[in-house]
Amino acid sequence: MAMEVRILTADDLEVLDRVFDYAVQPALASEFLNDPRHYLCVAIDDGVVVGMASGVRYVHPDKPSELWINEVGVSPAYHRRGIGKAILAELTERAREIGCSEAWVLTDDDNVAARALYKAAGGFEQTGVVMVTIPLGPRLVIEK
């Protein structure tokens, strides 16, 4: 059986159990796959998911749509076989089809493999970009 690379649909809930490190929450999985702005592309080899990438179509009132690629992962036994590149190609082709002007992804400076993958997919790195995380725990009440 040949490697299959495809974007999951709402009919693919059972495939999600084979993708992630942690237990899939059925309500969240259904919400994700039924949301037309969320995409999950997988590589399946002989019934086993060996790679994945997720993305979100980001819309803004005064800019063309973009695809934010949240994460890309390939099982270690399948590294260096072009699977990550095939997954990204499928995901970015969908982004073109839905009118996105570009796709973007963040990675760590020392993630050499990811940086090489994104470059091979036609990406270019930007300098001077800083990622800021704002934790959204319980609301803080500041007393005067």
Foldseek 3Di string as FASTA:
>chain_A
DDKDKDKDALVPLVLVCQPDPDGDDVVVSNVQRHDPQKIKIFIADPNHTFKIWIWGFDDDPPDWIEIEIEDIDGHPVCPPVCRSLVNVVNVVVVCVVVGHPYYDYDDDPPPVSVVVSCVVNVDDDDPPDDDDDDDDDPDDDDDD
